[in-house]
Amino acid sequence: MFENSKRKLKKLFPDVNTEKESMIGSKLNFASAEAYKLLRTNIMFSFTEEQQKRVIGVTSSIKGEGKSITSINLAYSLAESNKKVLFMECDLRMPTISKRLDIRPTPGLSNLLAGLNNGNEAIQNGILNPNLDIMPAGDVPPNASELLGSMRMQHIVEKLIEFYDYIILDLPPVNVVSDALIASRLTNGMVVVVRQDFVGKSALAETMRQLKYADAKILGFVFNGVHNSDKYYKKYYKKSYNYGYNSQM
């Protein structure tokens, strides 16, 4: 009965991942892996050699657009290029990364911000790639916005960037809570994930308005959920840059 339900769900919603494991890291298909390599290249060219602070926020307009999958795969792709990367799960209200990666959920960022644990306890080393460290969200706090907007958060990011080439902040959706706008001041660039046939124009416009009001620098957009098969992609990707990838949620 359960298998039949999964098959029916896949028919109705082909983008929904009914398996426990999502397409992350080495499990990416060809099209997705190539898309993330292009995203990595564009990110790298967004910074000059003199820019030492490379903190990148990843957000979306609404829940379900794939910003967490995009965040972790971007971090993985950067780590594959021999860069030292820290992934920080800053979605303190609805953390998902520990389940996706099968790592311990706590202690994490919230515990570090509350002064309950130190950085060595909150960071898990060599996840998915030897160059990739993960800081999960930790225990769900009652005051997520206050923690992310605290001077301690700023101090932690400033200290950690001394040890990493890139820090990727997985932030909540802009139109749901204010956390992403608050944390955007810690970054020197934001990536906005937009899911095909999912988010409305008005919601995306409101996201851009709020980010502009927060004086956030937009590095670019990730158009997520584009329906291209591996076979099609392998045949045509060399001829055109107008492609996408299907990130299964």
Protein backbone atom coordinates (compact mmCIF):
# COMPACT_ATOMS: atom_id res chain seq x y z
CA MET A 1 0.00 0.00 0.00
CA PHE A 2 2.81 2.40 0.89
CA GLU A 3 4.63 1.72 -2.40
CA ASN A 4 1.40 2.34 -4.34
CA SER A 5 0.96 5.66 -2.53
CA LYS A 6 4.49 6.70 -3.45
CA ARG A 7 3.94 5.86 -7.10
CA LYS A 8 0.67 7.84 -7.16
CA LEU A 9 2.40 10.81 -5.53
CA LYS A 10 5.18 10.70 -8.11
CA LYS A 11 2.61 10.71 -10.93
CA LEU A 12 0.75 13.69 -9.53
CA PHE A 13 3.83 15.61 -8.38
CA PRO A 14 6.94 14.46 -10.28
CA ASP A 15 9.15 17.00 -8.48
CA VAL A 16 8.32 15.70 -5.02
CA ASN A 17 11.00 13.41 -3.57
CA THR A 18 9.26 10.50 -1.90
CA GLU A 19 12.55 8.88 -0.93
CA LYS A 20 14.42 9.63 2.28
CA GLU A 21 17.49 10.81 0.42
CA SER A 22 17.47 13.88 -1.82
CA MET A 23 19.81 14.70 -4.66
CA ILE A 24 22.77 16.00 -2.70
CA GLY A 25 26.50 16.01 -3.39
CA SER A 26 27.70 12.94 -5.26
CA LYS A 27 24.10 11.76 -5.75
CA LEU A 28 23.35 14.56 -8.20
CA ASN A 29 22.47 13.56 -11.73
CA PHE A 30 24.51 14.81 -14.68
CA ALA A 31 22.35 17.85 -15.45
CA SER A 32 22.22 18.97 -11.82
CA ALA A 33 25.96 18.52 -11.30
CA GLU A 34 26.74 20.62 -14.37
CA ALA A 35 24.28 23.32 -13.32
CA TYR A 36 25.91 23.60 -9.90
CA LYS A 37 29.35 23.81 -11.50
CA LEU A 38 28.12 26.75 -13.55
CA LEU A 39 26.65 28.33 -10.42
CA ARG A 40 29.99 27.80 -8.65
CA THR A 41 31.86 29.47 -11.50
CA ASN A 42 29.53 32.46 -11.48
CA ILE A 43 29.90 32.79 -7.71
CA MET A 44 33.69 32.68 -7.94
CA PHE A 45 33.71 35.40 -10.60
CA SER A 46 31.56 37.59 -8.36
CA PHE A 47 34.55 38.29 -6.11
CA THR A 48 37.93 39.83 -6.73
CA GLU A 49 41.08 38.19 -5.40
CA GLU A 50 41.41 41.00 -2.86
CA GLN A 51 37.99 40.31 -1.33
CA GLN A 52 38.70 38.16 1.69
CA LYS A 53 35.16 38.12 3.06
CA ARG A 54 33.12 35.67 1.00
CA VAL A 55 29.93 35.10 2.92
CA ILE A 56 27.01 34.13 0.66
CA GLY A 57 23.38 34.01 1.73
CA VAL A 58 20.90 31.74 -0.08
CA THR A 59 17.20 32.46 0.24
CA SER A 60 13.88 32.28 -1.63
CA SER A 61 10.51 34.00 -1.64
CA ILE A 62 8.45 31.20 -0.08
CA LYS A 63 8.91 27.76 1.39
CA GLY A 64 9.43 24.82 -0.98
CA GLU A 65 11.53 26.46 -3.71
CA GLY A 66 14.61 24.37 -2.97
CA LYS A 67 16.87 26.91 -1.27
CA SER A 68 18.28 24.41 1.27
CA ILE A 69 19.14 21.86 -1.42
CA THR A 70 20.67 24.66 -3.49
CA SER A 71 22.66 25.89 -0.49
CA ILE A 72 24.19 22.54 0.39
CA ASN A 73 24.95 21.63 -3.21
CA LEU A 74 26.57 25.01 -3.83
CA ALA A 75 28.71 24.46 -0.72
CA TYR A 76 29.58 20.95 -1.94
CA SER A 77 30.49 22.19 -5.41
CA LEU A 78 32.77 24.89 -3.97
CA ALA A 79 34.42 22.30 -1.72
CA GLU A 80 35.02 20.08 -4.75
CA SER A 81 37.07 22.90 -6.29
CA ASN A 82 39.51 22.64 -3.38
CA LYS A 83 38.03 25.54 -1.42
CA LYS A 84 37.52 25.36 2.32
CA VAL A 85 33.78 25.85 2.88
CA LEU A 86 31.52 26.18 5.91
CA PHE A 87 27.78 25.62 5.50
CA MET A 88 25.77 27.36 8.24
CA GLU A 89 22.11 26.44 8.61
CA CYS A 90 20.52 29.75 9.57
CA ASP A 91 16.93 28.58 9.20
CA LEU A 92 16.62 28.22 12.96
CA ARG A 93 12.83 27.84 12.94
CA MET A 94 12.52 24.91 10.51
CA PRO A 95 15.89 23.13 10.26
CA THR A 96 16.14 20.24 7.77
CA ILE A 97 19.82 19.73 7.00
CA SER A 98 20.58 17.23 9.77
CA LYS A 99 17.88 14.89 8.44
CA ARG A 100 18.95 15.35 4.83
CA LEU A 101 22.61 14.64 5.61
CA ASP A 102 22.04 12.18 8.45
CA ILE A 103 24.18 14.15 10.90
CA ARG A 104 23.55 15.06 14.52
CA PRO A 105 21.15 18.03 14.74
CA THR A 106 22.62 19.60 17.85
CA PRO A 107 24.63 21.37 19.14
CA GLY A 108 24.53 23.91 16.34
CA LEU A 109 24.24 27.59 15.54
CA SER A 110 21.48 28.38 18.05
CA ASN A 111 23.45 26.71 20.85
CA LEU A 112 26.56 28.66 19.87
CA LEU A 113 24.66 31.97 19.76
CA ALA A 114 23.11 31.26 23.17
CA GLY A 115 26.55 30.59 24.62
CA LEU A 116 25.73 26.97 25.47
CA ASN A 117 28.42 25.44 23.25
CA ASN A 118 31.62 26.51 21.53
CA GLY A 119 32.45 26.55 17.83
CA ASN A 120 34.30 23.24 17.85
CA GLU A 121 31.23 21.51 19.29
CA ALA A 122 28.81 23.18 16.85
CA ILE A 123 30.78 22.44 13.66
CA GLN A 124 30.90 18.97 12.11
CA ASN A 125 33.92 18.45 9.88
CA GLY A 126 34.33 16.79 6.51
CA ILE A 127 30.67 16.18 5.66
CA LEU A 128 30.17 14.99 2.03
CA ASN A 129 33.67 16.30 1.20
CA PRO A 130 36.87 16.72 3.25
CA ASN A 131 36.77 20.48 2.52
CA LEU A 132 33.17 20.93 3.66
CA ASP A 133 32.22 21.61 7.28
CA ILE A 134 28.62 21.84 8.47
CA MET A 135 27.09 23.85 11.29
CA PRO A 136 23.48 22.67 11.74
CA ALA A 137 20.83 24.97 13.16
CA GLY A 138 20.84 23.30 16.56
CA ASP A 139 17.93 23.39 18.99
CA VAL A 140 14.94 25.46 17.81
CA PRO A 141 15.04 28.73 19.80
CA PRO A 142 12.09 30.98 20.73
CA ASN A 143 13.91 34.09 19.46
CA ALA A 144 15.45 33.24 16.08
CA SER A 145 15.41 36.79 14.70
CA GLU A 146 17.07 38.23 17.78
CA LEU A 147 19.82 35.61 17.69
CA LEU A 148 20.58 36.13 13.99
CA GLY A 149 20.60 39.89 14.44
CA SER A 150 22.82 39.86 17.51
CA MET A 151 26.35 41.21 17.75
CA ARG A 152 27.43 37.70 18.72
CA MET A 153 26.26 36.40 15.33
CA GLN A 154 28.27 39.07 13.57
CA HIS A 155 31.31 38.29 15.70
CA ILE A 156 31.02 34.55 14.99
CA VAL A 157 30.84 35.06 11.22
CA GLU A 158 33.78 37.49 11.27
CA LYS A 159 35.89 34.99 13.21
CA LEU A 160 34.93 31.96 11.14
CA ILE A 161 35.65 33.59 7.78
CA GLU A 162 39.32 33.71 8.83
CA PHE A 163 39.40 29.90 8.48
CA TYR A 164 37.28 29.43 5.34
CA ASP A 165 37.31 30.52 1.70
CA TYR A 166 33.52 30.62 1.64
CA ILE A 167 30.72 30.59 4.18
CA ILE A 168 27.28 29.65 2.85
CA LEU A 169 24.30 30.81 4.92
CA ASP A 170 21.11 28.83 4.36
CA LEU A 171 18.47 31.45 5.19
CA PRO A 172 14.67 31.26 5.60
CA PRO A 173 12.35 32.53 2.85
CA VAL A 174 12.12 36.33 2.71
CA ASN A 175 8.32 36.53 2.54
CA VAL A 176 7.79 34.22 5.51
CA VAL A 177 9.94 35.73 8.27
CA SER A 178 12.39 38.64 8.55
CA ASP A 179 15.39 36.44 9.41
CA ALA A 180 16.92 36.48 5.92
CA LEU A 181 16.78 40.28 5.76
CA ILE A 182 18.38 40.57 9.18
CA ALA A 183 21.18 38.15 8.30
CA SER A 184 21.76 39.68 4.85
CA ARG A 185 23.90 42.40 6.42
CA LEU A 186 26.43 39.72 7.35
CA THR A 187 26.87 38.69 3.72
CA ASN A 188 28.53 40.30 0.76
CA GLY A 189 26.10 38.70 -1.65
CA MET A 190 22.73 36.96 -1.79
CA VAL A 191 21.49 34.21 -4.12
CA VAL A 192 17.72 33.98 -4.63
CA VAL A 193 16.24 30.58 -5.53
CA VAL A 194 13.18 30.74 -7.80
CA ARG A 195 11.24 27.55 -8.47
CA GLN A 196 9.59 27.15 -11.86
CA ASP A 197 5.76 27.21 -11.86
CA PHE A 198 5.75 27.54 -8.07
CA VAL A 199 6.24 31.13 -6.91
CA GLY A 200 4.12 34.00 -8.24
CA LYS A 201 5.49 37.17 -9.80
CA SER A 202 4.08 39.31 -7.01
CA ALA A 203 5.79 37.20 -4.33
CA LEU A 204 9.14 37.43 -6.14
CA ALA A 205 8.70 41.17 -6.65
CA GLU A 206 8.04 41.59 -2.93
CA THR A 207 11.17 39.57 -2.15
CA MET A 208 13.28 41.85 -4.34
CA ARG A 209 11.71 44.94 -2.82
CA GLN A 210 12.51 43.79 0.70
CA LEU A 211 16.08 42.78 -0.17
CA LYS A 212 16.64 46.13 -1.85
CA TYR A 213 15.25 47.92 1.21
CA ALA A 214 17.69 45.93 3.37
CA ASP A 215 20.50 47.07 1.04
CA ALA A 216 21.41 43.47 0.20
CA LYS A 217 23.60 42.80 -2.83
CA ILE A 218 21.97 40.28 -5.19
CA LEU A 219 24.55 38.03 -6.83
CA GLY A 220 21.92 36.34 -8.99
CA PHE A 221 19.07 33.87 -9.23
CA VAL A 222 18.88 30.09 -9.38
CA PHE A 223 15.98 28.97 -11.57
CA ASN A 224 15.07 25.69 -9.94
CA GLY A 225 12.91 22.75 -11.01
CA VAL A 226 13.37 23.10 -14.78
CA HIS A 227 12.28 19.91 -16.51
CA ASN A 228 15.29 18.79 -18.55
CA SER A 229 16.26 15.14 -18.75
CA ASP A 230 19.86 13.94 -18.60
CA LYS A 231 19.60 12.63 -22.16
CA TYR A 232 18.42 15.98 -23.50
CA TYR A 233 21.00 17.84 -21.47
CA LYS A 234 23.94 15.73 -22.60
CA LYS A 235 22.92 16.29 -26.21
CA TYR A 236 22.44 20.03 -26.09
CA TYR A 237 24.25 21.57 -23.12
CA LYS A 238 27.37 22.40 -25.15
CA LYS A 239 25.29 24.39 -27.64
CA SER A 240 23.29 26.53 -25.25
CA TYR A 241 23.45 28.05 -21.77
CA ASN A 242 19.63 28.20 -21.56
CA TYR A 243 19.15 25.15 -19.41
CA GLY A 244 18.03 24.28 -15.93
CA TYR A 245 18.02 21.37 -13.55
CA ASN A 246 15.47 19.40 -11.65
CA SER A 247 16.33 19.48 -7.96
CA GLN A 248 14.13 16.82 -6.39
CA MET A 249 12.78 17.88 -3.02
